[in-house]
Amino acid sequence: TTTMFSYYPAQSIYSSNLSPRDRYLSALAEAKAAEADYLAAEAAQREEEDYLRRRLAQLEYRKRDNFLGSRSALPVPTVPAAYPSYDHLYRVHQQIAEEEE
């Protein structure tokens, strides 16, 4: 993982050999790279959360199916659009871990 400080190496931005314009362009390029990294991390997190919501829906469907004793071909319910809380994601992780055991 990168920290925000890794985007600002003193040699590249504050070098006395670079003109103010070059320092500006260098800083701008580094800021754009940092933004791209941030957006990629956000997208990866959303992807994981979406997967966990779908997985939870499957587990709840399976649990309900087992409880009712039916093996009918009912469709798996859709996942609600709202983002789950931290506790909800923790519960999903626990259920997946229990199922894998």
PDB file of N, CA and C in Angstrom:
ATOM      1  N   THR A   1       0.832  -1.184   0.000  1.00  0.00           N
ATOM      2  CA  THR A   1       0.000   0.000   0.000  1.00  0.00           C
ATOM      3  C   THR A   1       0.879   1.250   0.000  1.00  0.00           C
ATOM      4  N   THR A   2       0.376   2.268  -0.601  1.00  0.00           N
ATOM      5  CA  THR A   2       1.114   3.512  -0.652  1.00  0.00           C
ATOM      6  C   THR A   2       0.484   4.511   0.294  1.00  0.00           C
ATOM      7  N   THR A   3       1.315   5.345   0.842  1.00  0.00           N
ATOM      8  CA  THR A   3       0.802   6.406   1.693  1.00  0.00           C
ATOM      9  C   THR A   3       0.849   7.696   0.915  1.00  0.00           C
ATOM     10  N   MET A   4       0.153   8.696   1.417  1.00  0.00           N
ATOM     11  CA  MET A   4       0.113   9.941   0.671  1.00  0.00           C
ATOM     12  C   MET A   4       1.487  10.580   0.569  1.00  0.00           C
ATOM     13  N   PHE A   5       2.392  10.276   1.491  1.00  0.00           N
ATOM     14  CA  PHE A   5       3.706  10.893   1.465  1.00  0.00           C
ATOM     15  C   PHE A   5       4.605  10.306   0.385  1.00  0.00           C
ATOM     16  N   SER A   6       4.300   9.121  -0.100  1.00  0.00           N
ATOM     17  CA  SER A   6       5.134   8.529  -1.128  1.00  0.00           C
ATOM     18  C   SER A   6       4.971   9.236  -2.466  1.00  0.00           C
ATOM     19  N   TYR A   7       3.951  10.066  -2.607  1.00  0.00           N
ATOM     20  CA  TYR A   7       3.742  10.781  -3.860  1.00  0.00           C
ATOM     21  C   TYR A   7       4.516  12.100  -3.922  1.00  0.00           C
ATOM     22  N   TYR A   8       5.188  12.447  -2.865  1.00  0.00           N
ATOM     23  CA  TYR A   8       5.863  13.730  -2.822  1.00  0.00           C
ATOM     24  C   TYR A   8       7.346  13.595  -2.502  1.00  0.00           C
ATOM     25  N   PRO A   9       8.100  12.937  -3.347  1.00  0.00           N
ATOM     26  CA  PRO A   9       9.530  12.848  -3.087  1.00  0.00           C
ATOM     27  C   PRO A   9      10.180  14.221  -3.247  1.00  0.00           C
ATOM     28  N   ALA A  10      10.974  14.611  -2.276  1.00  0.00           N
ATOM     29  CA  ALA A  10      11.564  15.944  -2.256  1.00  0.00           C
ATOM     30  C   ALA A  10      12.436  16.203  -3.487  1.00  0.00           C
ATOM     31  N   GLN A  11      13.107  15.205  -3.974  1.00  0.00           N
ATOM     32  CA  GLN A  11      13.999  15.408  -5.105  1.00  0.00           C
ATOM     33  C   GLN A  11      13.240  15.777  -6.370  1.00  0.00           C
ATOM     34  N   SER A  12      12.094  15.171  -6.619  1.00  0.00           N
ATOM     35  CA  SER A  12      11.405  15.420  -7.883  1.00  0.00           C
ATOM     36  C   SER A  12      10.695  16.770  -7.913  1.00  0.00           C
ATOM     37  N   ILE A  13      10.131  17.207  -6.798  1.00  0.00           N
ATOM     38  CA  ILE A  13       9.354  18.442  -6.814  1.00  0.00           C
ATOM     39  C   ILE A  13      10.216  19.658  -6.497  1.00  0.00           C
ATOM     40  N   TYR A  14      11.099  19.526  -5.552  1.00  0.00           N
ATOM     41  CA  TYR A  14      11.836  20.688  -5.070  1.00  0.00           C
ATOM     42  C   TYR A  14      13.266  20.755  -5.585  1.00  0.00           C
ATOM     43  N   SER A  15      13.561  20.023  -6.624  1.00  0.00           N
ATOM     44  CA  SER A  15      14.906  20.047  -7.184  1.00  0.00           C
ATOM     45  C   SER A  15      15.203  21.426  -7.749  1.00  0.00           C
ATOM     46  N   SER A  16      16.396  21.921  -7.482  1.00  0.00           N
ATOM     47  CA  SER A  16      16.764  23.254  -7.960  1.00  0.00           C
ATOM     48  C   SER A  16      16.975  23.264  -9.472  1.00  0.00           C
ATOM     49  N   ASN A  17      17.092  22.094 -10.092  1.00  0.00           N
ATOM     50  CA  ASN A  17      17.281  22.015 -11.534  1.00  0.00           C
ATOM     51  C   ASN A  17      15.979  22.188 -12.300  1.00  0.00           C
ATOM     52  N   LEU A  18      14.851  22.091 -11.629  1.00  0.00           N
ATOM     53  CA  LEU A  18      13.559  22.177 -12.309  1.00  0.00           C
ATOM     54  C   LEU A  18      13.010  23.598 -12.246  1.00  0.00           C
ATOM     55  N   SER A  19      12.388  24.006 -13.323  1.00  0.00           N
ATOM     56  CA  SER A  19      11.725  25.311 -13.350  1.00  0.00           C
ATOM     57  C   SER A  19      10.434  25.227 -12.547  1.00  0.00           C
ATOM     58  N   PRO A  20       9.882  26.364 -12.165  1.00  0.00           N
ATOM     59  CA  PRO A  20       8.593  26.328 -11.452  1.00  0.00           C
ATOM     60  C   PRO A  20       7.516  25.594 -12.255  1.00  0.00           C
ATOM     61  N   ARG A  21       7.511  25.779 -13.565  1.00  0.00           N
ATOM     62  CA  ARG A  21       6.533  25.094 -14.416  1.00  0.00           C
ATOM     63  C   ARG A  21       6.739  23.582 -14.338  1.00  0.00           C
ATOM     64  N   ASP A  22       8.004  23.124 -14.411  1.00  0.00           N
ATOM     65  CA  ASP A  22       8.291  21.691 -14.342  1.00  0.00           C
ATOM     66  C   ASP A  22       7.919  21.120 -12.979  1.00  0.00           C
ATOM     67  N   ARG A  23       8.176  21.888 -11.919  1.00  0.00           N
ATOM     68  CA  ARG A  23       7.791  21.425 -10.581  1.00  0.00           C
ATOM     69  C   ARG A  23       6.268  21.298 -10.484  1.00  0.00           C
ATOM     70  N   TYR A  24       5.557  22.277 -11.059  1.00  0.00           N
ATOM     71  CA  TYR A  24       4.097  22.235 -11.062  1.00  0.00           C
ATOM     72  C   TYR A  24       3.596  21.012 -11.820  1.00  0.00           C
ATOM     73  N   LEU A  25       4.133  20.779 -13.013  1.00  0.00           N
ATOM     74  CA  LEU A  25       3.702  19.635 -13.815  1.00  0.00           C
ATOM     75  C   LEU A  25       4.021  18.312 -13.119  1.00  0.00           C
ATOM     76  N   SER A  26       5.173  18.268 -12.457  1.00  0.00           N
ATOM     77  CA  SER A  26       5.540  17.058 -11.721  1.00  0.00           C
ATOM     78  C   SER A  26       4.569  16.807 -10.564  1.00  0.00           C
ATOM     79  N   ALA A  27       4.275  17.870  -9.832  1.00  0.00           N
ATOM     80  CA  ALA A  27       3.333  17.736  -8.711  1.00  0.00           C
ATOM     81  C   ALA A  27       1.949  17.354  -9.223  1.00  0.00           C
ATOM     82  N   LEU A  28       1.533  17.926 -10.346  1.00  0.00           N
ATOM     83  CA  LEU A  28       0.240  17.607 -10.926  1.00  0.00           C
ATOM     84  C   LEU A  28       0.166  16.140 -11.353  1.00  0.00           C
ATOM     85  N   ALA A  29       1.225  15.643 -11.969  1.00  0.00           N
ATOM     86  CA  ALA A  29       1.259  14.233 -12.392  1.00  0.00           C
ATOM     87  C   ALA A  29       1.198  13.312 -11.177  1.00  0.00           C
ATOM     88  N   GLU A  30       1.918  13.678 -10.124  1.00  0.00           N
ATOM     89  CA  GLU A  30       1.895  12.849  -8.916  1.00  0.00           C
ATOM     90  C   GLU A  30       0.525  12.885  -8.247  1.00  0.00           C
ATOM     91  N   ALA A  31      -0.134  14.033  -8.282  1.00  0.00           N
ATOM     92  CA  ALA A  31      -1.475  14.133  -7.704  1.00  0.00           C
ATOM     93  C   ALA A  31      -2.463  13.292  -8.507  1.00  0.00           C
ATOM     94  N   LYS A  32      -2.333  13.305  -9.826  1.00  0.00           N
ATOM     95  CA  LYS A  32      -3.217  12.482 -10.658  1.00  0.00           C
ATOM     96  C   LYS A  32      -2.974  10.995 -10.411  1.00  0.00           C
ATOM     97  N   ALA A  33      -1.706  10.618 -10.208  1.00  0.00           N
ATOM     98  CA  ALA A  33      -1.404   9.216  -9.904  1.00  0.00           C
ATOM     99  C   ALA A  33      -2.012   8.826  -8.549  1.00  0.00           C
ATOM    100  N   ALA A  34      -1.920   9.723  -7.580  1.00  0.00           N
ATOM    101  CA  ALA A  34      -2.507   9.451  -6.262  1.00  0.00           C
ATOM    102  C   ALA A  34      -4.022   9.327  -6.369  1.00  0.00           C
ATOM    103  N   GLU A  35      -4.644  10.180  -7.182  1.00  0.00           N
ATOM    104  CA  GLU A  35      -6.091  10.108  -7.371  1.00  0.00           C
ATOM    105  C   GLU A  35      -6.497   8.793  -8.034  1.00  0.00           C
ATOM    106  N   ALA A  36      -5.728   8.364  -9.029  1.00  0.00           N
ATOM    107  CA  ALA A  36      -6.026   7.092  -9.704  1.00  0.00           C
ATOM    108  C   ALA A  36      -5.913   5.930  -8.728  1.00  0.00           C
ATOM    109  N   ASP A  37      -4.891   5.946  -7.872  1.00  0.00           N
ATOM    110  CA  ASP A  37      -4.738   4.896  -6.861  1.00  0.00           C
ATOM    111  C   ASP A  37      -5.928   4.890  -5.905  1.00  0.00           C
ATOM    112  N   TYR A  38      -6.340   6.073  -5.482  1.00  0.00           N
ATOM    113  CA  TYR A  38      -7.467   6.192  -4.566  1.00  0.00           C
ATOM    114  C   TYR A  38      -8.744   5.654  -5.203  1.00  0.00           C
ATOM    115  N   LEU A  39      -9.006   6.048  -6.446  1.00  0.00           N
ATOM    116  CA  LEU A  39     -10.219   5.599  -7.128  1.00  0.00           C
ATOM    117  C   LEU A  39     -10.207   4.089  -7.346  1.00  0.00           C
ATOM    118  N   ALA A  40      -9.033   3.528  -7.630  1.00  0.00           N
ATOM    119  CA  ALA A  40      -8.935   2.077  -7.805  1.00  0.00           C
ATOM    120  C   ALA A  40      -9.221   1.362  -6.491  1.00  0.00           C
ATOM    121  N   ALA A  41      -8.704   1.899  -5.396  1.00  0.00           N
ATOM    122  CA  ALA A  41      -8.956   1.285  -4.085  1.00  0.00           C
ATOM    123  C   ALA A  41     -10.439   1.365  -3.730  1.00  0.00           C
ATOM    124  N   GLU A  42     -11.073   2.496  -4.017  1.00  0.00           N
ATOM    125  CA  GLU A  42     -12.508   2.643  -3.757  1.00  0.00           C
ATOM    126  C   GLU A  42     -13.314   1.646  -4.590  1.00  0.00           C
ATOM    127  N   ALA A  43     -12.959   1.479  -5.849  1.00  0.00           N
ATOM    128  CA  ALA A  43     -13.673   0.544  -6.719  1.00  0.00           C
ATOM    129  C   ALA A  43     -13.508  -0.884  -6.212  1.00  0.00           C
ATOM    130  N   ALA A  44     -12.302  -1.229  -5.777  1.00  0.00           N
ATOM    131  CA  ALA A  44     -12.059  -2.576  -5.248  1.00  0.00           C
ATOM    132  C   ALA A  44     -12.887  -2.811  -3.987  1.00  0.00           C
ATOM    133  N   GLN A  45     -12.986  -1.799  -3.144  1.00  0.00           N
ATOM    134  CA  GLN A  45     -13.779  -1.939  -1.923  1.00  0.00           C
ATOM    135  C   GLN A  45     -15.263  -2.106  -2.260  1.00  0.00           C
ATOM    136  N   ARG A  46     -15.767  -1.324  -3.213  1.00  0.00           N
ATOM    137  CA  ARG A  46     -17.176  -1.468  -3.618  1.00  0.00           C
ATOM    138  C   ARG A  46     -17.427  -2.852  -4.196  1.00  0.00           C
ATOM    139  N   GLU A  47     -16.474  -3.353  -4.982  1.00  0.00           N
ATOM    140  CA  GLU A  47     -16.613  -4.688  -5.563  1.00  0.00           C
ATOM    141  C   GLU A  47     -16.703  -5.746  -4.473  1.00  0.00           C
ATOM    142  N   GLU A  48     -15.835  -5.632  -3.462  1.00  0.00           N
ATOM    143  CA  GLU A  48     -15.855  -6.602  -2.367  1.00  0.00           C
ATOM    144  C   GLU A  48     -17.168  -6.519  -1.598  1.00  0.00           C
ATOM    145  N   GLU A  49     -17.641  -5.305  -1.335  1.00  0.00           N
ATOM    146  CA  GLU A  49     -18.896  -5.154  -0.618  1.00  0.00           C
ATOM    147  C   GLU A  49     -20.061  -5.731  -1.417  1.00  0.00           C
ATOM    148  N   ASP A  50     -20.063  -5.505  -2.729  1.00  0.00           N
ATOM    149  CA  ASP A  50     -21.115  -6.083  -3.571  1.00  0.00           C
ATOM    150  C   ASP A  50     -21.078  -7.605  -3.519  1.00  0.00           C
ATOM    151  N   TYR A  51     -19.874  -8.178  -3.603  1.00  0.00           N
ATOM    152  CA  TYR A  51     -19.738  -9.629  -3.519  1.00  0.00           C
ATOM    153  C   TYR A  51     -20.268 -10.139  -2.181  1.00  0.00           C
ATOM    154  N   LEU A  52     -19.896  -9.462  -1.100  1.00  0.00           N
ATOM    155  CA  LEU A  52     -20.332  -9.904   0.220  1.00  0.00           C
ATOM    156  C   LEU A  52     -21.850  -9.807   0.372  1.00  0.00           C
ATOM    157  N   ARG A  53     -22.461  -8.750  -0.196  1.00  0.00           N
ATOM    158  CA  ARG A  53     -23.932  -8.652  -0.135  1.00  0.00           C
ATOM    159  C   ARG A  53     -24.586  -9.795  -0.908  1.00  0.00           C
ATOM    160  N   ARG A  54     -24.044 -10.105  -2.099  1.00  0.00           N
ATOM    161  CA  ARG A  54     -24.612 -11.220  -2.878  1.00  0.00           C
ATOM    162  C   ARG A  54     -24.435 -12.531  -2.134  1.00  0.00           C
ATOM    163  N   ARG A  55     -23.263 -12.714  -1.539  1.00  0.00           N
ATOM    164  CA  ARG A  55     -22.982 -13.959  -0.807  1.00  0.00           C
ATOM    165  C   ARG A  55     -23.903 -14.098   0.386  1.00  0.00           C
ATOM    166  N   LEU A  56     -24.128 -12.992   1.104  1.00  0.00           N
ATOM    167  CA  LEU A  56     -25.044 -13.031   2.252  1.00  0.00           C
ATOM    168  C   LEU A  56     -26.452 -13.387   1.792  1.00  0.00           C
ATOM    169  N   ALA A  57     -26.877 -12.814   0.688  1.00  0.00           N
ATOM    170  CA  ALA A  57     -28.210 -13.128   0.170  1.00  0.00           C
ATOM    171  C   ALA A  57     -28.309 -14.610  -0.165  1.00  0.00           C
ATOM    172  N   GLN A  58     -27.265 -15.183  -0.750  1.00  0.00           N
ATOM    173  CA  GLN A  58     -27.268 -16.614  -1.059  1.00  0.00           C
ATOM    174  C   GLN A  58     -27.335 -17.448   0.213  1.00  0.00           C
ATOM    175  N   LEU A  59     -26.544 -17.060   1.220  1.00  0.00           N
ATOM    176  CA  LEU A  59     -26.546 -17.810   2.480  1.00  0.00           C
ATOM    177  C   LEU A  59     -27.906 -17.722   3.171  1.00  0.00           C
ATOM    178  N   GLU A  60     -28.488 -16.526   3.172  1.00  0.00           N
ATOM    179  CA  GLU A  60     -29.809 -16.380   3.793  1.00  0.00           C
ATOM    180  C   GLU A  60     -30.855 -17.171   3.028  1.00  0.00           C
ATOM    181  N   TYR A  61     -30.756 -17.192   1.715  1.00  0.00           N
ATOM    182  CA  TYR A  61     -31.693 -17.975   0.908  1.00  0.00           C
ATOM    183  C   TYR A  61     -31.543 -19.461   1.227  1.00  0.00           C
ATOM    184  N   ARG A  62     -30.285 -19.914   1.294  1.00  0.00           N
ATOM    185  CA  ARG A  62     -30.037 -21.328   1.599  1.00  0.00           C
ATOM    186  C   ARG A  62     -30.554 -21.686   2.988  1.00  0.00           C
ATOM    187  N   LYS A  63     -30.334 -20.793   3.942  1.00  0.00           N
ATOM    188  CA  LYS A  63     -30.811 -21.047   5.301  1.00  0.00           C
ATOM    189  C   LYS A  63     -32.332 -21.101   5.328  1.00  0.00           C
ATOM    190  N   ARG A  64     -32.976 -20.176   4.648  1.00  0.00           N
ATOM    191  CA  ARG A  64     -34.444 -20.158   4.590  1.00  0.00           C
ATOM    192  C   ARG A  64     -34.960 -21.391   3.861  1.00  0.00           C
ATOM    193  N   ASP A  65     -34.282 -21.776   2.796  1.00  0.00           N
ATOM    194  CA  ASP A  65     -34.672 -22.952   2.026  1.00  0.00           C
ATOM    195  C   ASP A  65     -34.569 -24.208   2.891  1.00  0.00           C
ATOM    196  N   ASN A  66     -33.486 -24.320   3.635  1.00  0.00           N
ATOM    197  CA  ASN A  66     -33.320 -25.475   4.523  1.00  0.00           C
ATOM    198  C   ASN A  66     -34.354 -25.466   5.639  1.00  0.00           C
ATOM    199  N   PHE A  67     -34.674 -24.281   6.151  1.00  0.00           N
ATOM    200  CA  PHE A  67     -35.652 -24.164   7.225  1.00  0.00           C
ATOM    201  C   PHE A  67     -37.032 -24.588   6.743  1.00  0.00           C
ATOM    202  N   LEU A  68     -37.386 -24.182   5.548  1.00  0.00           N
ATOM    203  CA  LEU A  68     -38.708 -24.529   5.018  1.00  0.00           C
ATOM    204  C   LEU A  68     -38.767 -25.967   4.517  1.00  0.00           C
ATOM    205  N   GLY A  69     -37.613 -26.559   4.320  1.00  0.00           N
ATOM    206  CA  GLY A  69     -37.565 -27.940   3.873  1.00  0.00           C
ATOM    207  C   GLY A  69     -37.900 -28.105   2.408  1.00  0.00           C
ATOM    208  N   SER A  70     -37.897 -27.028   1.681  1.00  0.00           N
ATOM    209  CA  SER A  70     -38.218 -27.154   0.260  1.00  0.00           C
ATOM    210  C   SER A  70     -36.951 -27.009  -0.563  1.00  0.00           C
ATOM    211  N   ARG A  71     -36.926 -27.671  -1.683  1.00  0.00           N
ATOM    212  CA  ARG A  71     -35.797 -27.587  -2.610  1.00  0.00           C
ATOM    213  C   ARG A  71     -36.306 -27.069  -3.959  1.00  0.00           C
ATOM    214  N   SER A  72     -37.264 -26.183  -3.887  1.00  0.00           N
ATOM    215  CA  SER A  72     -37.820 -25.653  -5.134  1.00  0.00           C
ATOM    216  C   SER A  72     -36.815 -24.724  -5.799  1.00  0.00           C
ATOM    217  N   ALA A  73     -37.039 -24.459  -7.052  1.00  0.00           N
ATOM    218  CA  ALA A  73     -36.123 -23.622  -7.830  1.00  0.00           C
ATOM    219  C   ALA A  73     -36.540 -22.162  -7.757  1.00  0.00           C
ATOM    220  N   LEU A  74     -36.639 -21.634  -6.552  1.00  0.00           N
ATOM    221  CA  LEU A  74     -36.977 -20.227  -6.392  1.00  0.00           C
ATOM    222  C   LEU A  74     -35.742 -19.382  -6.691  1.00  0.00           C
ATOM    223  N   PRO A  75     -35.925 -18.224  -7.282  1.00  0.00           N
ATOM    224  CA  PRO A  75     -34.758 -17.381  -7.567  1.00  0.00           C
ATOM    225  C   PRO A  75     -34.138 -16.836  -6.288  1.00  0.00           C
ATOM    226  N   VAL A  76     -32.833 -16.615  -6.328  1.00  0.00           N
ATOM    227  CA  VAL A  76     -32.138 -16.025  -5.193  1.00  0.00           C
ATOM    228  C   VAL A  76     -32.571 -14.574  -5.099  1.00  0.00           C
ATOM    229  N   PRO A  77     -32.932 -14.109  -3.905  1.00  0.00           N
ATOM    230  CA  PRO A  77     -33.420 -12.734  -3.782  1.00  0.00           C
ATOM    231  C   PRO A  77     -32.335 -11.726  -4.153  1.00  0.00           C
ATOM    232  N   THR A  78     -32.773 -10.574  -4.627  1.00  0.00           N
ATOM    233  CA  THR A  78     -31.810  -9.537  -4.976  1.00  0.00           C
ATOM    234  C   THR A  78     -31.294  -8.882  -3.715  1.00  0.00           C
ATOM    235  N   VAL A  79     -30.106  -8.321  -3.826  1.00  0.00           N
ATOM    236  CA  VAL A  79     -29.468  -7.681  -2.690  1.00  0.00           C
ATOM    237  C   VAL A  79     -29.949  -6.243  -2.606  1.00  0.00           C
ATOM    238  N   PRO A  80     -30.269  -5.767  -1.407  1.00  0.00           N
ATOM    239  CA  PRO A  80     -30.709  -4.382  -1.290  1.00  0.00           C
ATOM    240  C   PRO A  80     -29.600  -3.423  -1.723  1.00  0.00           C
ATOM    241  N   ALA A  81     -29.993  -2.264  -2.224  1.00  0.00           N
ATOM    242  CA  ALA A  81     -29.020  -1.308  -2.754  1.00  0.00           C
ATOM    243  C   ALA A  81     -28.265  -0.570  -1.658  1.00  0.00           C
ATOM    244  N   ALA A  82     -28.817  -0.486  -0.481  1.00  0.00           N
ATOM    245  CA  ALA A  82     -28.161   0.262   0.595  1.00  0.00           C
ATOM    246  C   ALA A  82     -26.868  -0.418   1.020  1.00  0.00           C
ATOM    247  N   TYR A  83     -25.871   0.384   1.323  1.00  0.00           N
ATOM    248  CA  TYR A  83     -24.605  -0.177   1.774  1.00  0.00           C
ATOM    249  C   TYR A  83     -24.744  -0.695   3.195  1.00  0.00           C
ATOM    250  N   PRO A  84     -24.189  -1.857   3.484  1.00  0.00           N
ATOM    251  CA  PRO A  84     -24.312  -2.431   4.828  1.00  0.00           C
ATOM    252  C   PRO A  84     -23.413  -1.697   5.814  1.00  0.00           C
ATOM    253  N   SER A  85     -23.763  -1.814   7.075  1.00  0.00           N
ATOM    254  CA  SER A  85     -22.917  -1.242   8.108  1.00  0.00           C
ATOM    255  C   SER A  85     -21.729  -2.161   8.345  1.00  0.00           C
ATOM    256  N   TYR A  86     -20.788  -1.685   9.154  1.00  0.00           N
ATOM    257  CA  TYR A  86     -19.610  -2.496   9.464  1.00  0.00           C
ATOM    258  C   TYR A  86     -20.037  -3.802  10.124  1.00  0.00           C
ATOM    259  N   ASP A  87     -20.994  -3.733  11.052  1.00  0.00           N
ATOM    260  CA  ASP A  87     -21.463  -4.943  11.736  1.00  0.00           C
ATOM    261  C   ASP A  87     -22.048  -5.938  10.749  1.00  0.00           C
ATOM    262  N   HIS A  88     -22.748  -5.438   9.762  1.00  0.00           N
ATOM    263  CA  HIS A  88     -23.345  -6.301   8.749  1.00  0.00           C
ATOM    264  C   HIS A  88     -22.254  -7.020   7.955  1.00  0.00           C
ATOM    265  N   LEU A  89     -21.208  -6.304   7.544  1.00  0.00           N
ATOM    266  CA  LEU A  89     -20.114  -6.935   6.806  1.00  0.00           C
ATOM    267  C   LEU A  89     -19.387  -7.951   7.676  1.00  0.00           C
ATOM    268  N   TYR A  90     -19.234  -7.636   8.949  1.00  0.00           N
ATOM    269  CA  TYR A  90     -18.586  -8.572   9.856  1.00  0.00           C
ATOM    270  C   TYR A  90     -19.397  -9.854   9.937  1.00  0.00           C
ATOM    271  N   ARG A  91     -20.715  -9.719  10.002  1.00  0.00           N
ATOM    272  CA  ARG A  91     -21.591 -10.895  10.060  1.00  0.00           C
ATOM    273  C   ARG A  91     -21.478 -11.727   8.780  1.00  0.00           C
ATOM    274  N   VAL A  92     -21.345 -11.059   7.650  1.00  0.00           N
ATOM    275  CA  VAL A  92     -21.178 -11.764   6.377  1.00  0.00           C
ATOM    276  C   VAL A  92     -19.877 -12.562   6.392  1.00  0.00           C
ATOM    277  N   HIS A  93     -18.801 -11.920   6.834  1.00  0.00           N
ATOM    278  CA  HIS A  93     -17.517 -12.616   6.909  1.00  0.00           C
ATOM    279  C   HIS A  93     -17.611 -13.837   7.825  1.00  0.00           C
ATOM    280  N   GLN A  94     -18.303 -13.689   8.943  1.00  0.00           N
ATOM    281  CA  GLN A  94     -18.454 -14.813   9.872  1.00  0.00           C
ATOM    282  C   GLN A  94     -19.241 -15.951   9.233  1.00  0.00           C
ATOM    283  N   GLN A  95     -20.306 -15.645   8.541  1.00  0.00           N
ATOM    284  CA  GLN A  95     -21.113 -16.695   7.922  1.00  0.00           C
ATOM    285  C   GLN A  95     -20.336 -17.419   6.830  1.00  0.00           C
ATOM    286  N   ILE A  96     -19.553 -16.682   6.072  1.00  0.00           N
ATOM    287  CA  ILE A  96     -18.748 -17.314   5.030  1.00  0.00           C
ATOM    288  C   ILE A  96     -17.701 -18.229   5.660  1.00  0.00           C
ATOM    289  N   ALA A  97     -17.078 -17.753   6.733  1.00  0.00           N
ATOM    290  CA  ALA A  97     -16.074 -18.571   7.418  1.00  0.00           C
ATOM    291  C   ALA A  97     -16.692 -19.839   7.995  1.00  0.00           C
ATOM    292  N   GLU A  98     -17.884 -19.701   8.586  1.00  0.00           N
ATOM    293  CA  GLU A  98     -18.555 -20.879   9.142  1.00  0.00           C
ATOM    294  C   GLU A  98     -18.924 -21.883   8.068  1.00  0.00           C
ATOM    295  N   GLU A  99     -19.366 -21.368   6.917  1.00  0.00           N
ATOM    296  CA  GLU A  99     -19.753 -22.276   5.847  1.00  0.00           C
ATOM    297  C   GLU A  99     -18.544 -23.023   5.284  1.00  0.00           C
ATOM    298  N   GLU A 100     -17.398 -22.348   5.225  1.00  0.00           N
ATOM    299  CA  GLU A 100     -16.207 -22.959   4.666  1.00  0.00           C
ATOM    300  C   GLU A 100     -15.595 -24.002   5.602  1.00  0.00           C
ATOM    301  N   GLU A 101     -15.973 -23.991   6.866  1.00  0.00           N
ATOM    302  CA  GLU A 101     -15.406 -24.974   7.815  1.00  0.00           C
ATOM    303  C   GLU A 101     -15.993 -26.324   7.659  1.00  0.00           C
TER     304      GLU A 101
END
